[in-house]
Structure formats: structure tokens, C-alpha cells
Amino acid sequence: MSKENRDFLEMAFQSVQCFGNDGRLDATELAKIIAIAERDGVTDPNELRVLGNIIARIRPDEIDASMKAQLAGIASKYGIKMPETA
């Protein structure tokens, strides 16, 4: 299995832990997931797919100013659609 494959699996595992600990994802937790995708300098299609799926699970009530800014940066950098805000 290649490094990219382990990265997207690690991203998915990290997201399960984040959502599982309190049912939400905050900006700090999302930053850790993004760091996994970016650490090898290449964000491959599997990592982008997983990141998109994670972002799609963010509820509008979870989006504070910090999260909104982070999501805007992700949308700009990777073209991933931002969730609707409350």
C-alpha cells in the first residue's frame, strides 16, 4: 500500500475520532486532518475525496468564525464546497 493510501485512511480514522469524542469537528481538529493530507507535499484525489466527505458532515451550528475562515481557505485552495452556514 502506498503512502497516499495510508494518508487518506489516517485522515478518515482521525475524523472518526474527532466526531466521536464530542459529536463535532472544530477548527483545530480539522487543521490536524488537513495536515495529514499536506504533510507529503501532495494532496491526492483520495485525500481530497475524504476531506470533502469530512467537510460535508460539518453541521451549520458547528461553524464559528475560525471554522468559517478555515473552510474558506480550503474551498479556495482545493475547490471543495463549503457547507451551508447557520
PDB file of N, CA and C in Angstrom:
ATOM      1  N   MET A   1       0.862  -1.179   0.000  1.00  0.00           N
ATOM      2  CA  MET A   1       0.000   0.000   0.000  1.00  0.00           C
ATOM      3  C   MET A   1       0.903   1.234   0.000  1.00  0.00           C
ATOM      4  N   SER A   2       0.548   2.212  -0.812  1.00  0.00           N
ATOM      5  CA  SER A   2       1.369   3.418  -0.923  1.00  0.00           C
ATOM      6  C   SER A   2       1.117   4.375   0.239  1.00  0.00           C
ATOM      7  N   LYS A   3       2.012   5.344   0.387  1.00  0.00           N
ATOM      8  CA  LYS A   3       1.881   6.350   1.449  1.00  0.00           C
ATOM      9  C   LYS A   3       0.583   7.136   1.304  1.00  0.00           C
ATOM     10  N   GLU A   4       0.218   7.508   0.082  1.00  0.00           N
ATOM     11  CA  GLU A   4      -1.017   8.252  -0.129  1.00  0.00           C
ATOM     12  C   GLU A   4      -2.219   7.479   0.408  1.00  0.00           C
ATOM     13  N   ASN A   5      -2.231   6.166   0.168  1.00  0.00           N
ATOM     14  CA  ASN A   5      -3.338   5.361   0.672  1.00  0.00           C
ATOM     15  C   ASN A   5      -3.407   5.393   2.190  1.00  0.00           C
ATOM     16  N   ARG A   6      -2.273   5.312   2.842  1.00  0.00           N
ATOM     17  CA  ARG A   6      -2.273   5.373   4.306  1.00  0.00           C
ATOM     18  C   ARG A   6      -2.723   6.751   4.789  1.00  0.00           C
ATOM     19  N   ASP A   7      -2.338   7.799   4.056  1.00  0.00           N
ATOM     20  CA  ASP A   7      -2.731   9.151   4.471  1.00  0.00           C
ATOM     21  C   ASP A   7      -4.249   9.319   4.451  1.00  0.00           C
ATOM     22  N   PHE A   8      -4.906   8.897   3.377  1.00  0.00           N
ATOM     23  CA  PHE A   8      -6.358   9.102   3.338  1.00  0.00           C
ATOM     24  C   PHE A   8      -7.052   8.223   4.373  1.00  0.00           C
ATOM     25  N   LEU A   9      -6.507   7.049   4.642  1.00  0.00           N
ATOM     26  CA  LEU A   9      -7.078   6.203   5.692  1.00  0.00           C
ATOM     27  C   LEU A   9      -6.864   6.826   7.067  1.00  0.00           C
ATOM     28  N   GLU A  10      -5.688   7.400   7.271  1.00  0.00           N
ATOM     29  CA  GLU A  10      -5.404   8.074   8.541  1.00  0.00           C
ATOM     30  C   GLU A  10      -6.319   9.286   8.725  1.00  0.00           C
ATOM     31  N   MET A  11      -6.571  10.015   7.640  1.00  0.00           N
ATOM     32  CA  MET A  11      -7.492  11.159   7.703  1.00  0.00           C
ATOM     33  C   MET A  11      -8.884  10.699   8.134  1.00  0.00           C
ATOM     34  N   ALA A  12      -9.363   9.621   7.524  1.00  0.00           N
ATOM     35  CA  ALA A  12     -10.693   9.101   7.856  1.00  0.00           C
ATOM     36  C   ALA A  12     -10.744   8.643   9.317  1.00  0.00           C
ATOM     37  N   PHE A  13      -9.710   7.942   9.757  1.00  0.00           N
ATOM     38  CA  PHE A  13      -9.651   7.481  11.138  1.00  0.00           C
ATOM     39  C   PHE A  13      -9.642   8.662  12.105  1.00  0.00           C
ATOM     40  N   GLN A  14      -8.842   9.678  11.801  1.00  0.00           N
ATOM     41  CA  GLN A  14      -8.770  10.876  12.651  1.00  0.00           C
ATOM     42  C   GLN A  14     -10.134  11.557  12.734  1.00  0.00           C
ATOM     43  N   SER A  15     -10.846  11.626  11.609  1.00  0.00           N
ATOM     44  CA  SER A  15     -12.163  12.278  11.622  1.00  0.00           C
ATOM     45  C   SER A  15     -13.153  11.506  12.485  1.00  0.00           C
ATOM     46  N   VAL A  16     -13.087  10.181  12.441  1.00  0.00           N
ATOM     47  CA  VAL A  16     -13.973   9.362  13.275  1.00  0.00           C
ATOM     48  C   VAL A  16     -13.698   9.659  14.743  1.00  0.00           C
ATOM     49  N   GLN A  17     -12.425   9.756  15.110  1.00  0.00           N
ATOM     50  CA  GLN A  17     -12.076  10.083  16.491  1.00  0.00           C
ATOM     51  C   GLN A  17     -12.589  11.471  16.871  1.00  0.00           C
ATOM     52  N   CYS A  18     -12.429  12.447  15.985  1.00  0.00           N
ATOM     53  CA  CYS A  18     -12.857  13.821  16.286  1.00  0.00           C
ATOM     54  C   CYS A  18     -14.368  13.905  16.454  1.00  0.00           C
ATOM     55  N   PHE A  19     -15.103  13.348  15.490  1.00  0.00           N
ATOM     56  CA  PHE A  19     -16.558  13.391  15.579  1.00  0.00           C
ATOM     57  C   PHE A  19     -17.052  12.534  16.746  1.00  0.00           C
ATOM     58  N   GLY A  20     -16.347  11.455  17.020  1.00  0.00           N
ATOM     59  CA  GLY A  20     -16.763  10.541  18.076  1.00  0.00           C
ATOM     60  C   GLY A  20     -16.547  11.067  19.474  1.00  0.00           C
ATOM     61  N   ASN A  21     -15.558  11.948  19.657  1.00  0.00           N
ATOM     62  CA  ASN A  21     -15.260  12.384  21.020  1.00  0.00           C
ATOM     63  C   ASN A  21     -16.331  13.307  21.576  1.00  0.00           C
ATOM     64  N   ASP A  22     -16.880  14.198  20.752  1.00  0.00           N
ATOM     65  CA  ASP A  22     -17.951  15.079  21.234  1.00  0.00           C
ATOM     66  C   ASP A  22     -19.045  15.314  20.192  1.00  0.00           C
ATOM     67  N   GLY A  23     -18.991  14.573  19.098  1.00  0.00           N
ATOM     68  CA  GLY A  23     -20.018  14.684  18.073  1.00  0.00           C
ATOM     69  C   GLY A  23     -19.830  15.836  17.106  1.00  0.00           C
ATOM     70  N   ARG A  24     -18.735  16.585  17.257  1.00  0.00           N
ATOM     71  CA  ARG A  24     -18.495  17.748  16.410  1.00  0.00           C
ATOM     72  C   ARG A  24     -17.057  17.752  15.925  1.00  0.00           C
ATOM     73  N   LEU A  25     -16.822  18.642  14.967  1.00  0.00           N
ATOM     74  CA  LEU A  25     -15.475  18.846  14.449  1.00  0.00           C
ATOM     75  C   LEU A  25     -15.182  20.332  14.585  1.00  0.00           C
ATOM     76  N   ASP A  26     -14.086  20.673  15.262  1.00  0.00           N
ATOM     77  CA  ASP A  26     -13.740  22.088  15.392  1.00  0.00           C
ATOM     78  C   ASP A  26     -12.563  22.417  14.474  1.00  0.00           C
ATOM     79  N   ALA A  27     -12.206  23.685  14.424  1.00  0.00           N
ATOM     80  CA  ALA A  27     -11.156  24.150  13.512  1.00  0.00           C
ATOM     81  C   ALA A  27      -9.808  23.504  13.817  1.00  0.00           C
ATOM     82  N   THR A  28      -9.501  23.293  15.066  1.00  0.00           N
ATOM     83  CA  THR A  28      -8.229  22.661  15.435  1.00  0.00           C
ATOM     84  C   THR A  28      -8.179  21.218  14.945  1.00  0.00           C
ATOM     85  N   GLU A  29      -9.271  20.498  15.122  1.00  0.00           N
ATOM     86  CA  GLU A  29      -9.330  19.113  14.660  1.00  0.00           C
ATOM     87  C   GLU A  29      -9.254  19.038  13.140  1.00  0.00           C
ATOM     88  N   LEU A  30      -9.952  19.946  12.461  1.00  0.00           N
ATOM     89  CA  LEU A  30      -9.897  19.973  11.000  1.00  0.00           C
ATOM     90  C   LEU A  30      -8.484  20.284  10.522  1.00  0.00           C
ATOM     91  N   ALA A  31      -7.792  21.173  11.214  1.00  0.00           N
ATOM     92  CA  ALA A  31      -6.409  21.505  10.850  1.00  0.00           C
ATOM     93  C   ALA A  31      -5.508  20.270  10.946  1.00  0.00           C
ATOM     94  N   LYS A  32      -5.729  19.422  11.939  1.00  0.00           N
ATOM     95  CA  LYS A  32      -4.939  18.195  12.077  1.00  0.00           C
ATOM     96  C   LYS A  32      -5.187  17.252  10.902  1.00  0.00           C
ATOM     97  N   ILE A  33      -6.433  17.173  10.473  1.00  0.00           N
ATOM     98  CA  ILE A  33      -6.776  16.314   9.335  1.00  0.00           C
ATOM     99  C   ILE A  33      -6.143  16.852   8.052  1.00  0.00           C
ATOM    100  N   ILE A  34      -6.196  18.154   7.862  1.00  0.00           N
ATOM    101  CA  ILE A  34      -5.580  18.764   6.684  1.00  0.00           C
ATOM    102  C   ILE A  34      -4.067  18.564   6.699  1.00  0.00           C
ATOM    103  N   ALA A  35      -3.469  18.651   7.871  1.00  0.00           N
ATOM    104  CA  ALA A  35      -2.019  18.450   7.994  1.00  0.00           C
ATOM    105  C   ALA A  35      -1.617  17.051   7.528  1.00  0.00           C
ATOM    106  N   ILE A  36      -2.448  16.065   7.792  1.00  0.00           N
ATOM    107  CA  ILE A  36      -2.167  14.706   7.324  1.00  0.00           C
ATOM    108  C   ILE A  36      -2.129  14.686   5.799  1.00  0.00           C
ATOM    109  N   ALA A  37      -3.099  15.335   5.168  1.00  0.00           N
ATOM    110  CA  ALA A  37      -3.162  15.359   3.700  1.00  0.00           C
ATOM    111  C   ALA A  37      -1.978  16.098   3.092  1.00  0.00           C
ATOM    112  N   GLU A  38      -1.521  17.139   3.756  1.00  0.00           N
ATOM    113  CA  GLU A  38      -0.487  18.004   3.181  1.00  0.00           C
ATOM    114  C   GLU A  38       0.944  17.627   3.552  1.00  0.00           C
ATOM    115  N   ARG A  39       1.134  16.745   4.490  1.00  0.00           N
ATOM    116  CA  ARG A  39       2.479  16.504   5.012  1.00  0.00           C
ATOM    117  C   ARG A  39       3.468  15.943   3.997  1.00  0.00           C
ATOM    118  N   ASP A  40       2.992  15.251   2.969  1.00  0.00           N
ATOM    119  CA  ASP A  40       3.920  14.736   1.964  1.00  0.00           C
ATOM    120  C   ASP A  40       4.063  15.667   0.765  1.00  0.00           C
ATOM    121  N   GLY A  41       3.402  16.827   0.830  1.00  0.00           N
ATOM    122  CA  GLY A  41       3.516  17.816  -0.230  1.00  0.00           C
ATOM    123  C   GLY A  41       2.597  17.593  -1.412  1.00  0.00           C
ATOM    124  N   VAL A  42       1.843  16.493  -1.395  1.00  0.00           N
ATOM    125  CA  VAL A  42       0.916  16.178  -2.490  1.00  0.00           C
ATOM    126  C   VAL A  42      -0.429  15.823  -1.881  1.00  0.00           C
ATOM    127  N   THR A  43      -1.464  16.508  -2.314  1.00  0.00           N
ATOM    128  CA  THR A  43      -2.811  16.173  -1.864  1.00  0.00           C
ATOM    129  C   THR A  43      -3.485  15.443  -3.018  1.00  0.00           C
ATOM    130  N   ASP A  44      -3.563  14.124  -2.891  1.00  0.00           N
ATOM    131  CA  ASP A  44      -4.042  13.300  -3.995  1.00  0.00           C
ATOM    132  C   ASP A  44      -5.573  13.208  -4.019  1.00  0.00           C
ATOM    133  N   PRO A  45      -6.128  12.630  -5.083  1.00  0.00           N
ATOM    134  CA  PRO A  45      -7.593  12.550  -5.202  1.00  0.00           C
ATOM    135  C   PRO A  45      -8.276  11.821  -4.040  1.00  0.00           C
ATOM    136  N   ASN A  46      -7.654  10.777  -3.504  1.00  0.00           N
ATOM    137  CA  ASN A  46      -8.261  10.071  -2.374  1.00  0.00           C
ATOM    138  C   ASN A  46      -8.319  10.968  -1.142  1.00  0.00           C
ATOM    139  N   GLU A  47      -7.265  11.728  -0.909  1.00  0.00           N
ATOM    140  CA  GLU A  47      -7.252  12.647   0.232  1.00  0.00           C
ATOM    141  C   GLU A  47      -8.300  13.737   0.051  1.00  0.00           C
ATOM    142  N   LEU A  48      -8.437  14.252  -1.166  1.00  0.00           N
ATOM    143  CA  LEU A  48      -9.450  15.281  -1.433  1.00  0.00           C
ATOM    144  C   LEU A  48     -10.859  14.715  -1.271  1.00  0.00           C
ATOM    145  N   ARG A  49     -11.065  13.487  -1.694  1.00  0.00           N
ATOM    146  CA  ARG A  49     -12.377  12.848  -1.542  1.00  0.00           C
ATOM    147  C   ARG A  49     -12.727  12.715  -0.067  1.00  0.00           C
ATOM    148  N   VAL A  50     -11.778  12.218   0.724  1.00  0.00           N
ATOM    149  CA  VAL A  50     -12.011  12.053   2.165  1.00  0.00           C
ATOM    150  C   VAL A  50     -12.240  13.413   2.822  1.00  0.00           C
ATOM    151  N   LEU A  51     -11.428  14.400   2.460  1.00  0.00           N
ATOM    152  CA  LEU A  51     -11.588  15.740   3.029  1.00  0.00           C
ATOM    153  C   LEU A  51     -12.971  16.302   2.689  1.00  0.00           C
ATOM    154  N   GLY A  52     -13.397  16.125   1.452  1.00  0.00           N
ATOM    155  CA  GLY A  52     -14.738  16.581   1.052  1.00  0.00           C
ATOM    156  C   GLY A  52     -15.834  15.899   1.848  1.00  0.00           C
ATOM    157  N   ASN A  53     -15.687  14.594   2.074  1.00  0.00           N
ATOM    158  CA  ASN A  53     -16.681  13.853   2.863  1.00  0.00           C
ATOM    159  C   ASN A  53     -16.710  14.324   4.312  1.00  0.00           C
ATOM    160  N   ILE A  54     -15.548  14.615   4.856  1.00  0.00           N
ATOM    161  CA  ILE A  54     -15.477  15.112   6.236  1.00  0.00           C
ATOM    162  C   ILE A  54     -16.166  16.474   6.333  1.00  0.00           C
ATOM    163  N   ILE A  55     -15.847  17.358   5.407  1.00  0.00           N
ATOM    164  CA  ILE A  55     -16.428  18.707   5.421  1.00  0.00           C
ATOM    165  C   ILE A  55     -17.940  18.642   5.235  1.00  0.00           C
ATOM    166  N   ALA A  56     -18.416  17.725   4.432  1.00  0.00           N
ATOM    167  CA  ALA A  56     -19.862  17.586   4.206  1.00  0.00           C
ATOM    168  C   ALA A  56     -20.600  17.200   5.483  1.00  0.00           C
ATOM    169  N   ARG A  57     -19.908  16.634   6.451  1.00  0.00           N
ATOM    170  CA  ARG A  57     -20.538  16.221   7.712  1.00  0.00           C
ATOM    171  C   ARG A  57     -20.575  17.334   8.763  1.00  0.00           C
ATOM    172  N   ILE A  58     -19.951  18.437   8.476  1.00  0.00           N
ATOM    173  CA  ILE A  58     -19.953  19.551   9.432  1.00  0.00           C
ATOM    174  C   ILE A  58     -21.334  20.201   9.422  1.00  0.00           C
ATOM    175  N   ARG A  59     -21.914  20.316  10.595  1.00  0.00           N
ATOM    176  CA  ARG A  59     -23.239  20.930  10.719  1.00  0.00           C
ATOM    177  C   ARG A  59     -23.112  22.453  10.794  1.00  0.00           C
ATOM    178  N   PRO A  60     -24.108  23.167  10.317  1.00  0.00           N
ATOM    179  CA  PRO A  60     -24.056  24.639  10.350  1.00  0.00           C
ATOM    180  C   PRO A  60     -23.803  25.207  11.745  1.00  0.00           C
ATOM    181  N   ASP A  61     -24.338  24.571  12.786  1.00  0.00           N
ATOM    182  CA  ASP A  61     -24.153  25.092  14.145  1.00  0.00           C
ATOM    183  C   ASP A  61     -22.727  24.895  14.648  1.00  0.00           C
ATOM    184  N   GLU A  62     -21.900  24.134  13.933  1.00  0.00           N
ATOM    185  CA  GLU A  62     -20.506  23.927  14.312  1.00  0.00           C
ATOM    186  C   GLU A  62     -19.586  24.994  13.716  1.00  0.00           C
ATOM    187  N   ILE A  63     -20.103  25.796  12.823  1.00  0.00           N
ATOM    188  CA  ILE A  63     -19.264  26.732  12.082  1.00  0.00           C
ATOM    189  C   ILE A  63     -19.203  28.077  12.796  1.00  0.00           C
ATOM    190  N   ASP A  64     -18.099  28.268  13.527  1.00  0.00           N
ATOM    191  CA  ASP A  64     -17.848  29.555  14.156  1.00  0.00           C
ATOM    192  C   ASP A  64     -16.938  30.360  13.217  1.00  0.00           C
ATOM    193  N   ALA A  65     -16.488  31.513  13.653  1.00  0.00           N
ATOM    194  CA  ALA A  65     -15.678  32.380  12.790  1.00  0.00           C
ATOM    195  C   ALA A  65     -14.370  31.697  12.369  1.00  0.00           C
ATOM    196  N   SER A  66     -13.743  30.993  13.291  1.00  0.00           N
ATOM    197  CA  SER A  66     -12.486  30.300  12.989  1.00  0.00           C
ATOM    198  C   SER A  66     -12.703  29.198  11.954  1.00  0.00           C
ATOM    199  N   MET A  67     -13.746  28.411  12.153  1.00  0.00           N
ATOM    200  CA  MET A  67     -14.057  27.331  11.217  1.00  0.00           C
ATOM    201  C   MET A  67     -14.440  27.902   9.857  1.00  0.00           C
ATOM    202  N   LYS A  68     -15.213  28.992   9.850  1.00  0.00           N
ATOM    203  CA  LYS A  68     -15.628  29.604   8.586  1.00  0.00           C
ATOM    204  C   LYS A  68     -14.406  30.066   7.787  1.00  0.00           C
ATOM    205  N   ALA A  69     -13.452  30.693   8.451  1.00  0.00           N
ATOM    206  CA  ALA A  69     -12.235  31.145   7.775  1.00  0.00           C
ATOM    207  C   ALA A  69     -11.446  29.953   7.243  1.00  0.00           C
ATOM    208  N   GLN A  70     -11.349  28.910   8.029  1.00  0.00           N
ATOM    209  CA  GLN A  70     -10.613  27.724   7.603  1.00  0.00           C
ATOM    210  C   GLN A  70     -11.292  27.067   6.405  1.00  0.00           C
ATOM    211  N   LEU A  71     -12.598  26.959   6.431  1.00  0.00           N
ATOM    212  CA  LEU A  71     -13.335  26.362   5.315  1.00  0.00           C
ATOM    213  C   LEU A  71     -13.201  27.194   4.046  1.00  0.00           C
ATOM    214  N   ALA A  72     -13.189  28.520   4.197  1.00  0.00           N
ATOM    215  CA  ALA A  72     -12.996  29.387   3.029  1.00  0.00           C
ATOM    216  C   ALA A  72     -11.623  29.146   2.405  1.00  0.00           C
ATOM    217  N   GLY A  73     -10.602  28.969   3.236  1.00  0.00           N
ATOM    218  CA  GLY A  73      -9.263  28.673   2.739  1.00  0.00           C
ATOM    219  C   GLY A  73      -9.204  27.336   2.024  1.00  0.00           C
ATOM    220  N   ILE A  74      -9.883  26.336   2.561  1.00  0.00           N
ATOM    221  CA  ILE A  74      -9.927  25.008   1.941  1.00  0.00           C
ATOM    222  C   ILE A  74     -10.648  25.087   0.606  1.00  0.00           C
ATOM    223  N   ALA A  75     -11.764  25.803   0.577  1.00  0.00           N
ATOM    224  CA  ALA A  75     -12.518  25.950  -0.670  1.00  0.00           C
ATOM    225  C   ALA A  75     -11.672  26.619  -1.740  1.00  0.00           C
ATOM    226  N   SER A  76     -10.937  27.636  -1.349  1.00  0.00           N
ATOM    227  CA  SER A  76     -10.091  28.362  -2.289  1.00  0.00           C
ATOM    228  C   SER A  76      -8.928  27.500  -2.780  1.00  0.00           C
ATOM    229  N   LYS A  77      -8.296  26.786  -1.866  1.00  0.00           N
ATOM    230  CA  LYS A  77      -7.104  26.001  -2.210  1.00  0.00           C
ATOM    231  C   LYS A  77      -7.438  24.720  -2.969  1.00  0.00           C
ATOM    232  N   TYR A  78      -8.504  24.036  -2.555  1.00  0.00           N
ATOM    233  CA  TYR A  78      -8.801  22.715  -3.096  1.00  0.00           C
ATOM    234  C   TYR A  78     -10.089  22.636  -3.907  1.00  0.00           C
ATOM    235  N   GLY A  79     -10.891  23.692  -3.900  1.00  0.00           N
ATOM    236  CA  GLY A  79     -12.141  23.678  -4.648  1.00  0.00           C
ATOM    237  C   GLY A  79     -13.223  22.820  -4.014  1.00  0.00           C
ATOM    238  N   ILE A  80     -13.093  22.551  -2.728  1.00  0.00           N
ATOM    239  CA  ILE A  80     -14.097  21.756  -2.018  1.00  0.00           C
ATOM    240  C   ILE A  80     -15.198  22.689  -1.542  1.00  0.00           C
ATOM    241  N   LYS A  81     -16.424  22.317  -1.816  1.00  0.00           N
ATOM    242  CA  LYS A  81     -17.572  23.148  -1.460  1.00  0.00           C
ATOM    243  C   LYS A  81     -17.720  23.266   0.045  1.00  0.00           C
ATOM    244  N   MET A  82     -17.952  24.489   0.504  1.00  0.00           N
ATOM    245  CA  MET A  82     -18.193  24.742   1.917  1.00  0.00           C
ATOM    246  C   MET A  82     -19.611  24.346   2.285  1.00  0.00           C
ATOM    247  N   PRO A  83     -19.800  23.850   3.513  1.00  0.00           N
ATOM    248  CA  PRO A  83     -21.169  23.563   3.962  1.00  0.00           C
ATOM    249  C   PRO A  83     -21.924  24.870   4.176  1.00  0.00           C
ATOM    250  N   GLU A  84     -23.231  24.775   4.165  1.00  0.00           N
ATOM    251  CA  GLU A  84     -24.063  25.946   4.428  1.00  0.00           C
ATOM    252  C   GLU A  84     -23.868  26.375   5.875  1.00  0.00           C
ATOM    253  N   THR A  85     -23.873  27.692   6.091  1.00  0.00           N
ATOM    254  CA  THR A  85     -23.728  28.196   7.458  1.00  0.00           C
ATOM    255  C   THR A  85     -25.085  28.532   8.032  1.00  0.00           C
ATOM    256  N   ALA A  86     -25.140  28.555   9.342  1.00  0.00           N
ATOM    257  CA  ALA A  86     -26.401  28.833  10.039  1.00  0.00           C
ATOM    258  C   ALA A  86     -26.780  30.286   9.903  1.00  0.00           C
TER     259      ALA A  86
END
